N, C-alpha and C. Protein backbone atom coordinates (compact mmCIF):
# COMPACT_ATOMS: atom_id res chain seq x y z
N UNK A 1 -200.66 216.29 -116.97
CA UNK A 1 -200.05 215.29 -117.84
C UNK A 1 -199.04 214.44 -117.07
N UNK A 2 -198.22 215.11 -116.26
CA UNK A 2 -197.20 214.40 -115.50
C UNK A 2 -197.84 213.48 -114.47
N UNK A 3 -198.91 213.93 -113.84
CA UNK A 3 -199.62 213.10 -112.86
C UNK A 3 -200.22 211.87 -113.51
N UNK A 4 -200.71 212.04 -114.73
CA UNK A 4 -201.27 210.91 -115.46
C UNK A 4 -200.20 209.88 -115.76
N UNK A 5 -199.03 210.32 -116.18
CA UNK A 5 -197.92 209.41 -116.47
C UNK A 5 -197.46 208.70 -115.20
N UNK A 6 -197.40 209.42 -114.10
CA UNK A 6 -197.02 208.80 -112.83
C UNK A 6 -198.03 207.75 -112.40
N UNK A 7 -199.31 208.04 -112.61
CA UNK A 7 -200.36 207.06 -112.28
C UNK A 7 -200.23 205.82 -113.16
N UNK A 8 -199.95 206.01 -114.43
CA UNK A 8 -199.75 204.87 -115.33
C UNK A 8 -198.56 204.02 -114.89
N UNK A 9 -197.49 204.70 -114.52
CA UNK A 9 -196.31 203.97 -114.06
C UNK A 9 -196.60 203.17 -112.79
N UNK A 10 -197.36 203.76 -111.88
CA UNK A 10 -197.73 203.05 -110.65
C UNK A 10 -198.57 201.81 -110.97
N UNK A 11 -199.46 201.93 -111.92
CA UNK A 11 -200.29 200.78 -112.31
C UNK A 11 -199.41 199.70 -112.94
N UNK A 12 -198.46 200.10 -113.76
CA UNK A 12 -197.57 199.12 -114.40
C UNK A 12 -196.68 198.42 -113.36
N UNK A 13 -196.20 199.16 -112.39
CA UNK A 13 -195.39 198.55 -111.33
C UNK A 13 -196.24 197.57 -110.53
N UNK A 14 -197.47 197.96 -110.23
CA UNK A 14 -198.37 197.07 -109.50
C UNK A 14 -198.68 195.82 -110.31
N UNK A 15 -198.90 195.99 -111.60
CA UNK A 15 -199.17 194.84 -112.47
C UNK A 15 -197.96 193.91 -112.52
N UNK A 16 -196.77 194.48 -112.63
CA UNK A 16 -195.56 193.68 -112.65
C UNK A 16 -195.39 192.90 -111.36
N UNK A 17 -195.58 193.56 -110.23
CA UNK A 17 -195.47 192.90 -108.93
C UNK A 17 -196.51 191.81 -108.77
N UNK A 18 -197.71 192.06 -109.27
CA UNK A 18 -198.77 191.05 -109.20
C UNK A 18 -198.42 189.82 -110.02
N UNK A 19 -197.87 190.04 -111.22
CA UNK A 19 -197.48 188.91 -112.06
C UNK A 19 -196.37 188.08 -111.40
N UNK A 20 -195.41 188.76 -110.78
CA UNK A 20 -194.34 188.03 -110.10
C UNK A 20 -194.91 187.21 -108.94
N UNK A 21 -195.85 187.78 -108.23
CA UNK A 21 -196.49 187.05 -107.12
C UNK A 21 -197.30 185.87 -107.64
N UNK A 22 -198.07 186.07 -108.70
CA UNK A 22 -198.85 184.98 -109.29
C UNK A 22 -197.97 183.85 -109.82
N UNK A 23 -196.76 184.21 -110.23
CA UNK A 23 -195.85 183.20 -110.78
C UNK A 23 -195.44 182.16 -109.75
N UNK A 24 -195.59 182.45 -108.48
CA UNK A 24 -195.25 181.45 -107.47
C UNK A 24 -196.13 180.21 -107.61
N UNK A 25 -197.35 180.38 -108.09
CA UNK A 25 -198.27 179.24 -108.29
C UNK A 25 -198.51 178.94 -109.77
N UNK A 26 -198.42 179.95 -110.61
CA UNK A 26 -198.78 179.80 -112.03
C UNK A 26 -197.65 180.27 -112.93
N UNK A 27 -196.44 179.79 -112.66
CA UNK A 27 -195.26 180.29 -113.35
C UNK A 27 -195.37 180.13 -114.87
N UNK A 28 -195.70 178.94 -115.34
CA UNK A 28 -195.77 178.70 -116.78
C UNK A 28 -196.79 179.60 -117.46
N UNK A 29 -197.91 179.84 -116.82
CA UNK A 29 -198.95 180.70 -117.39
C UNK A 29 -198.48 182.15 -117.49
N UNK A 30 -197.80 182.60 -116.44
CA UNK A 30 -197.30 183.98 -116.45
C UNK A 30 -196.23 184.14 -117.53
N UNK A 31 -195.31 183.19 -117.62
CA UNK A 31 -194.27 183.27 -118.65
C UNK A 31 -194.88 183.22 -120.05
N UNK A 32 -195.88 182.39 -120.24
CA UNK A 32 -196.54 182.33 -121.54
C UNK A 32 -197.12 183.69 -121.92
N UNK A 33 -197.82 184.31 -120.99
CA UNK A 33 -198.43 185.61 -121.27
C UNK A 33 -197.37 186.67 -121.55
N UNK A 34 -196.27 186.65 -120.80
CA UNK A 34 -195.21 187.62 -121.05
C UNK A 34 -194.55 187.39 -122.40
N UNK A 35 -194.35 186.12 -122.76
CA UNK A 35 -193.75 185.82 -124.06
C UNK A 35 -194.66 186.19 -125.21
N UNK A 36 -195.95 186.25 -124.98
CA UNK A 36 -196.89 186.70 -126.03
C UNK A 36 -196.62 188.16 -126.40
N UNK A 37 -195.99 188.91 -125.51
CA UNK A 37 -195.66 190.31 -125.78
C UNK A 37 -194.27 190.48 -126.37
N UNK A 38 -193.55 189.39 -126.54
CA UNK A 38 -192.20 189.44 -127.14
C UNK A 38 -192.28 188.91 -128.56
N UNK A 39 -192.83 189.70 -129.44
CA UNK A 39 -192.98 189.32 -130.84
C UNK A 39 -192.27 190.33 -131.73
N UNK A 40 -191.06 189.98 -132.19
CA UNK A 40 -190.33 190.91 -133.07
C UNK A 40 -191.13 191.16 -134.35
N UNK A 41 -191.05 192.29 -134.95
CA UNK A 41 -190.27 193.48 -134.59
C UNK A 41 -191.01 194.43 -133.66
N UNK A 42 -192.20 194.08 -133.21
CA UNK A 42 -192.94 194.94 -132.28
C UNK A 42 -192.25 194.92 -130.92
N UNK A 43 -191.97 196.09 -130.41
CA UNK A 43 -191.28 196.19 -129.13
C UNK A 43 -192.28 196.10 -127.98
N UNK A 44 -191.93 195.37 -126.93
CA UNK A 44 -192.82 195.28 -125.77
C UNK A 44 -192.73 196.54 -124.93
N UNK A 45 -193.69 196.69 -124.04
CA UNK A 45 -193.62 197.80 -123.09
C UNK A 45 -192.51 197.51 -122.08
N UNK A 46 -192.00 198.56 -121.50
CA UNK A 46 -190.89 198.45 -120.56
C UNK A 46 -191.23 197.52 -119.39
N UNK A 47 -192.47 197.58 -118.90
CA UNK A 47 -192.80 196.79 -117.71
C UNK A 47 -192.78 195.29 -118.01
N UNK A 48 -192.96 194.89 -119.26
CA UNK A 48 -192.85 193.47 -119.63
C UNK A 48 -191.42 193.00 -119.39
N UNK A 49 -190.47 193.80 -119.82
CA UNK A 49 -189.05 193.45 -119.65
C UNK A 49 -188.64 193.47 -118.18
N UNK A 50 -189.13 194.45 -117.46
CA UNK A 50 -188.82 194.53 -116.03
C UNK A 50 -189.40 193.31 -115.31
N UNK A 51 -190.62 192.93 -115.69
CA UNK A 51 -191.26 191.76 -115.07
C UNK A 51 -190.48 190.49 -115.37
N UNK A 52 -190.02 190.33 -116.61
CA UNK A 52 -189.19 189.17 -116.95
C UNK A 52 -187.92 189.13 -116.11
N UNK A 53 -187.30 190.28 -115.92
CA UNK A 53 -186.10 190.34 -115.08
C UNK A 53 -186.41 189.99 -113.63
N UNK A 54 -187.52 190.50 -113.12
CA UNK A 54 -187.91 190.20 -111.74
C UNK A 54 -188.25 188.72 -111.57
N UNK A 55 -188.89 188.14 -112.57
CA UNK A 55 -189.20 186.71 -112.51
C UNK A 55 -187.93 185.87 -112.47
N UNK A 56 -186.95 186.25 -113.28
CA UNK A 56 -185.72 185.46 -113.30
C UNK A 56 -184.95 185.59 -112.00
N UNK A 57 -185.10 186.71 -111.30
CA UNK A 57 -184.47 186.86 -110.00
C UNK A 57 -185.20 186.06 -108.93
N UNK A 58 -186.51 186.11 -108.97
CA UNK A 58 -187.31 185.47 -107.94
C UNK A 58 -187.43 183.95 -108.13
N UNK A 59 -187.45 183.50 -109.37
CA UNK A 59 -187.69 182.08 -109.67
C UNK A 59 -186.67 181.57 -110.68
N UNK A 60 -185.40 181.68 -110.33
CA UNK A 60 -184.33 181.34 -111.26
C UNK A 60 -184.44 179.92 -111.79
N UNK A 61 -184.69 178.96 -110.94
CA UNK A 61 -184.77 177.57 -111.38
C UNK A 61 -185.94 177.33 -112.33
N UNK A 62 -187.05 177.98 -112.09
CA UNK A 62 -188.21 177.81 -112.96
C UNK A 62 -187.98 178.47 -114.32
N UNK A 63 -187.06 179.41 -114.39
CA UNK A 63 -186.79 180.12 -115.65
C UNK A 63 -185.91 179.33 -116.61
N UNK A 64 -185.23 178.30 -116.12
CA UNK A 64 -184.28 177.58 -116.96
C UNK A 64 -184.85 177.14 -118.30
N UNK A 65 -186.05 176.54 -118.35
CA UNK A 65 -186.57 176.13 -119.66
C UNK A 65 -186.88 177.30 -120.60
N UNK A 66 -186.98 178.50 -120.07
CA UNK A 66 -187.35 179.66 -120.87
C UNK A 66 -186.18 180.56 -121.24
N UNK A 67 -185.00 180.29 -120.69
CA UNK A 67 -183.87 181.19 -120.87
C UNK A 67 -183.50 181.33 -122.34
N UNK A 68 -183.36 180.24 -123.05
CA UNK A 68 -182.92 180.30 -124.45
C UNK A 68 -183.89 181.08 -125.32
N UNK A 69 -185.17 180.76 -125.23
CA UNK A 69 -186.15 181.44 -126.08
C UNK A 69 -186.27 182.91 -125.70
N UNK A 70 -186.20 183.21 -124.41
CA UNK A 70 -186.30 184.60 -123.96
C UNK A 70 -185.12 185.41 -124.46
N UNK A 71 -183.91 184.90 -124.27
CA UNK A 71 -182.72 185.64 -124.69
C UNK A 71 -182.64 185.77 -126.20
N UNK A 72 -182.96 184.71 -126.94
CA UNK A 72 -182.94 184.79 -128.41
C UNK A 72 -183.92 185.84 -128.92
N UNK A 73 -185.10 185.85 -128.34
CA UNK A 73 -186.10 186.83 -128.76
C UNK A 73 -185.65 188.24 -128.42
N UNK A 74 -185.12 188.42 -127.22
CA UNK A 74 -184.69 189.74 -126.81
C UNK A 74 -183.52 190.23 -127.65
N UNK A 75 -182.57 189.36 -127.96
CA UNK A 75 -181.44 189.76 -128.81
C UNK A 75 -181.92 190.16 -130.20
N UNK A 76 -182.90 189.43 -130.73
CA UNK A 76 -183.38 189.77 -132.08
C UNK A 76 -184.14 191.10 -132.11
N UNK A 77 -184.68 191.52 -130.99
CA UNK A 77 -185.43 192.76 -130.94
C UNK A 77 -184.56 193.96 -130.54
N UNK A 78 -183.41 193.72 -129.99
CA UNK A 78 -182.58 194.81 -129.46
C UNK A 78 -182.20 195.83 -130.53
N UNK A 79 -182.02 195.40 -131.75
CA UNK A 79 -181.62 196.33 -132.81
C UNK A 79 -182.72 197.36 -133.11
N UNK A 80 -183.96 197.08 -132.74
CA UNK A 80 -185.07 198.00 -132.99
C UNK A 80 -185.27 199.00 -131.86
N UNK A 81 -184.55 198.83 -130.78
CA UNK A 81 -184.73 199.69 -129.61
C UNK A 81 -183.91 200.96 -129.78
N UNK A 82 -184.61 202.08 -129.79
CA UNK A 82 -183.94 203.38 -129.93
C UNK A 82 -184.04 204.20 -128.64
N UNK A 83 -185.07 203.94 -127.85
CA UNK A 83 -185.31 204.67 -126.61
C UNK A 83 -184.35 204.19 -125.52
N UNK A 84 -183.75 205.13 -124.80
CA UNK A 84 -182.77 204.80 -123.76
C UNK A 84 -183.35 203.99 -122.61
N UNK A 85 -184.55 204.35 -122.16
CA UNK A 85 -185.17 203.62 -121.04
C UNK A 85 -185.49 202.19 -121.44
N UNK A 86 -186.00 202.01 -122.65
CA UNK A 86 -186.35 200.67 -123.11
C UNK A 86 -185.09 199.83 -123.32
N UNK A 87 -184.04 200.46 -123.84
CA UNK A 87 -182.77 199.74 -124.00
C UNK A 87 -182.23 199.29 -122.65
N UNK A 88 -182.35 200.16 -121.65
CA UNK A 88 -181.91 199.81 -120.30
C UNK A 88 -182.74 198.65 -119.75
N UNK A 89 -184.04 198.66 -120.00
CA UNK A 89 -184.90 197.57 -119.54
C UNK A 89 -184.53 196.27 -120.25
N UNK A 90 -184.23 196.34 -121.55
CA UNK A 90 -183.80 195.16 -122.28
C UNK A 90 -182.54 194.58 -121.67
N UNK A 91 -181.55 195.44 -121.48
CA UNK A 91 -180.27 194.98 -120.94
C UNK A 91 -180.43 194.47 -119.51
N UNK A 92 -181.25 195.13 -118.72
CA UNK A 92 -181.49 194.69 -117.35
C UNK A 92 -182.16 193.33 -117.31
N UNK A 93 -183.14 193.11 -118.18
CA UNK A 93 -183.81 191.82 -118.23
C UNK A 93 -182.88 190.71 -118.66
N UNK A 94 -182.03 190.99 -119.66
CA UNK A 94 -181.08 189.98 -120.12
C UNK A 94 -180.05 189.68 -119.04
N UNK A 95 -179.57 190.72 -118.37
CA UNK A 95 -178.58 190.51 -117.32
C UNK A 95 -179.15 189.67 -116.18
N UNK A 96 -180.41 189.90 -115.82
CA UNK A 96 -181.02 189.11 -114.76
C UNK A 96 -181.06 187.64 -115.15
N UNK A 97 -181.43 187.34 -116.39
CA UNK A 97 -181.45 185.95 -116.84
C UNK A 97 -180.05 185.35 -116.80
N UNK A 98 -179.08 186.08 -117.34
CA UNK A 98 -177.73 185.55 -117.40
C UNK A 98 -177.08 185.45 -116.03
N UNK A 99 -177.40 186.34 -115.13
CA UNK A 99 -176.81 186.36 -113.80
C UNK A 99 -177.26 185.15 -112.99
N UNK A 100 -178.47 184.68 -113.20
CA UNK A 100 -179.01 183.61 -112.39
C UNK A 100 -178.48 182.23 -112.80
N UNK A 101 -178.19 182.02 -114.05
CA UNK A 101 -177.80 180.70 -114.54
C UNK A 101 -176.54 180.15 -113.87
N UNK A 102 -175.42 180.90 -113.77
CA UNK A 102 -174.21 180.33 -113.16
C UNK A 102 -174.37 179.98 -111.68
N UNK A 103 -175.34 180.56 -110.99
CA UNK A 103 -175.49 180.33 -109.56
C UNK A 103 -176.21 179.01 -109.26
N UNK A 104 -176.74 178.38 -110.26
CA UNK A 104 -177.54 177.18 -110.04
C UNK A 104 -176.67 175.92 -110.03
N UNK A 105 -177.12 174.96 -109.27
CA UNK A 105 -176.45 173.68 -109.21
C UNK A 105 -177.13 172.73 -110.20
N UNK A 106 -176.73 172.81 -111.44
CA UNK A 106 -177.37 171.98 -112.48
C UNK A 106 -176.55 170.72 -112.68
């Protein structure tokens, strides 16, 4: 059972890394697909939130048009999060978005 969970986690990490890499050429498409998984009150999987955080770190300027909708959606879903790991992923994703904005020369 534990090996199966570890294998799933490895696949999710690989998928997240692949999406971040694809975003270098297809950023809007990747963000669209990730936002399709942010539909309150249904909670997204942890790797969706981690991927959003990684995207905001890697492509901060490209994230600017998506910051408001991403943060609003995440804030509205936070009250439904009971799991500690998922709450940490939510907070980590929001922090990555917020951390990148002040560093930009807008």
